[in-house]
């Protein structure tokens, strides 16, 4: 049984503040084609780092506001408090976004895509034989779509343009392997 096996992990030189993590396992062979990819945003900040970030977001503006209030500029305190609340809200929103992911996997003759985002958890199922992978590029943007039976879904939203191209090629390779 000959096959191709690949494990996808982020490359250190490609990681940045805006990069994503693609982990998964792909095994392509004539007898049992398998695909299981999980695409998620980069969330390298752990729980302790998150608590420290929230503490700094609260303490720094309040200390600065307190210093100005002690000098007689007490009207700065409401603005310092508002700034602290906005920073905390942004940090919490970013933390919520780190829970989003896409999972693309094959199961028998089906291609399944599981998307978890601000709209909740959604599942899409297509017959593998009917699925087309489409790419659309405009300027610096690059989008990958899975289309079948009049339904279309963008995948790889958490990846950069190069990562989306790689994802499209991997999906095409998997879909064309054994149909």
Foldseek 3Di string as FASTA:
>chain_A
DDWDKDFAFDDVVPDDQQAWTKTWIFIFDQPDGKTKIKIFADDPQDPVNLVVQLVCLLPVLQVVQVVVVVVPPNVSNVVSRVSSVVSNVVSVVVVQRRPWMWIWIDDVQKIKIWTAGPVGIDIDIDRLQFWDWDWDDDDQDIWIWIDGPHDIDTPPPSHGRVVRVVVSVVSVCSSPRHD
